[in-house]
Amino acid sequence: MRLLDVRIDERDEWTVVTLSGQLDVATAPDLRQALQEAQYAGAHRVVVDLADLQFLDSFGLGVLVGALRRARLHGGRLVLAGANGRIREILEVTGLDRTFQLTDDVAAVVDA
């Protein structure tokens, strides 16, 4: 079993990156590569679904912040969806809840 599963789907004008498992020092490079490939391939509207993410550390946060910077640099957007429980608490404690646009779920972004 993989510690982090990353699934990428296209929905309308959005690239949806669904994460499940643990995003930490060991798995952050996998997500970084997936996000970079998607963004360099032209994904300018990205929503990262965190609903099934069980663990997030500073390395994972760094990958998400880097992806947000790339999105903004190219006039795009990166939204975090479904952050709840401990994941939401981590975003709030670090102040990143004010940096990222957060939504309750992917549909709130894609269907808007």
Protein backbone atom coordinates (compact mmCIF):
# COMPACT_ATOMS: atom_id res chain seq x y z
CA MET A 1 0.00 0.00 0.00
CA ARG A 2 1.27 3.44 -0.95
CA LEU A 3 1.48 6.08 1.74
CA LEU A 4 0.05 8.72 -0.62
CA ASP A 5 -2.23 8.22 -3.58
CA VAL A 6 -2.46 11.07 -6.07
CA ARG A 7 -5.21 11.03 -8.69
CA ILE A 8 -5.56 13.74 -11.32
CA ASP A 9 -8.80 14.30 -13.24
CA GLU A 10 -10.04 17.04 -15.53
CA ARG A 11 -13.45 18.54 -14.72
CA ASP A 12 -14.65 21.35 -16.91
CA GLU A 13 -11.95 24.04 -16.71
CA TRP A 14 -10.42 22.60 -13.53
CA THR A 15 -7.71 20.06 -12.85
CA VAL A 16 -8.72 18.12 -9.73
CA VAL A 17 -5.88 16.58 -7.73
CA THR A 18 -7.28 14.10 -5.21
CA LEU A 19 -5.03 13.06 -2.35
CA SER A 20 -5.49 10.16 0.03
CA GLY A 21 -3.13 8.92 2.69
CA GLN A 22 -0.20 10.80 4.18
CA LEU A 23 1.54 13.86 2.77
CA ASP A 24 4.90 14.05 4.52
CA VAL A 25 8.66 14.16 3.98
CA ALA A 26 8.59 10.78 2.23
CA THR A 27 5.67 11.47 -0.10
CA ALA A 28 5.94 15.22 -0.74
CA PRO A 29 8.26 14.74 -3.75
CA ASP A 30 5.59 12.59 -5.46
CA LEU A 31 2.98 15.32 -5.09
CA ARG A 32 5.46 18.02 -6.13
CA GLN A 33 6.19 16.15 -9.35
CA ALA A 34 2.51 15.53 -10.10
CA LEU A 35 1.56 19.17 -9.52
CA GLN A 36 4.51 20.52 -11.50
CA GLU A 37 3.73 18.24 -14.44
CA ALA A 38 0.08 19.29 -14.42
CA GLN A 39 0.88 22.99 -14.11
CA TYR A 40 3.60 22.93 -16.76
CA ALA A 41 1.20 21.09 -19.07
CA GLY A 42 -1.19 24.04 -18.83
CA ALA A 43 -3.35 23.40 -15.76
CA HIS A 44 -4.04 26.96 -14.64
CA ARG A 45 -7.04 26.15 -12.44
CA VAL A 46 -6.19 23.48 -9.90
CA VAL A 47 -8.25 22.25 -6.97
CA VAL A 48 -6.54 19.92 -4.50
CA ASP A 49 -9.01 17.62 -2.74
CA LEU A 50 -7.80 17.00 0.82
CA ALA A 51 -10.92 15.18 2.09
CA ASP A 52 -9.16 11.80 2.28
CA LEU A 53 -5.80 13.12 3.46
CA GLN A 54 -4.96 11.67 6.86
CA PHE A 55 -1.67 13.42 7.67
CA LEU A 56 0.10 16.59 6.58
CA ASP A 57 3.51 17.89 7.68
CA SER A 58 5.64 20.92 6.85
CA PHE A 59 7.11 19.26 3.75
CA GLY A 60 3.62 18.71 2.37
CA LEU A 61 2.68 22.28 3.20
CA GLY A 62 5.77 23.44 1.32
CA VAL A 63 4.69 21.56 -1.79
CA LEU A 64 1.21 23.12 -1.65
CA VAL A 65 2.64 26.63 -1.14
CA GLY A 66 5.04 26.10 -4.07
CA ALA A 67 2.16 25.04 -6.30
CA LEU A 68 0.16 28.09 -5.23
CA ARG A 69 3.10 30.35 -6.11
CA ARG A 70 3.43 28.73 -9.55
CA ALA A 71 -0.29 29.14 -10.15
CA ARG A 72 -0.23 32.82 -9.20
CA LEU A 73 2.92 33.46 -11.23
CA HIS A 74 1.11 32.27 -14.35
CA GLY A 75 -2.22 33.96 -13.61
CA GLY A 76 -3.86 30.77 -12.39
CA ARG A 77 -5.58 29.56 -9.27
CA LEU A 78 -5.01 26.80 -6.75
CA VAL A 79 -7.79 25.99 -4.30
CA LEU A 80 -7.78 23.54 -1.39
CA ALA A 81 -11.01 21.60 -0.93
CA GLY A 82 -12.28 19.32 1.80
CA ALA A 83 -9.73 20.13 4.50
CA ASN A 84 -11.27 18.97 7.76
CA GLY A 85 -10.29 17.87 11.22
CA ARG A 86 -6.57 17.83 11.85
CA ILE A 87 -5.72 18.98 8.30
CA ARG A 88 -7.90 22.08 8.68
CA GLU A 89 -6.36 22.73 12.10
CA ILE A 90 -2.84 22.60 10.63
CA LEU A 91 -3.81 25.12 7.95
CA GLU A 92 -5.30 27.43 10.59
CA VAL A 93 -2.37 27.18 13.04
CA THR A 94 0.13 27.98 10.29
CA GLY A 95 -1.99 30.84 8.96
CA LEU A 96 -2.25 29.19 5.57
CA ASP A 97 -6.04 29.23 5.81
CA ARG A 98 -5.66 32.94 5.00
CA THR A 99 -3.22 32.29 2.15
CA PHE A 100 -5.15 29.60 0.31
CA GLN A 101 -8.72 29.74 -0.88
CA LEU A 102 -10.43 26.93 1.07
CA THR A 103 -13.73 25.32 0.13
CA ASP A 104 -15.78 22.56 1.73
CA ASP A 105 -15.61 20.31 -1.31
CA VAL A 106 -14.54 20.08 -4.95
CA ALA A 107 -18.06 20.70 -6.25
CA ALA A 108 -18.09 24.14 -4.62
CA VAL A 109 -15.25 25.12 -6.95
CA VAL A 110 -15.89 23.15 -10.12
CA ASP A 111 -19.64 23.81 -10.27
CA ALA A 112 -19.36 27.52 -9.41
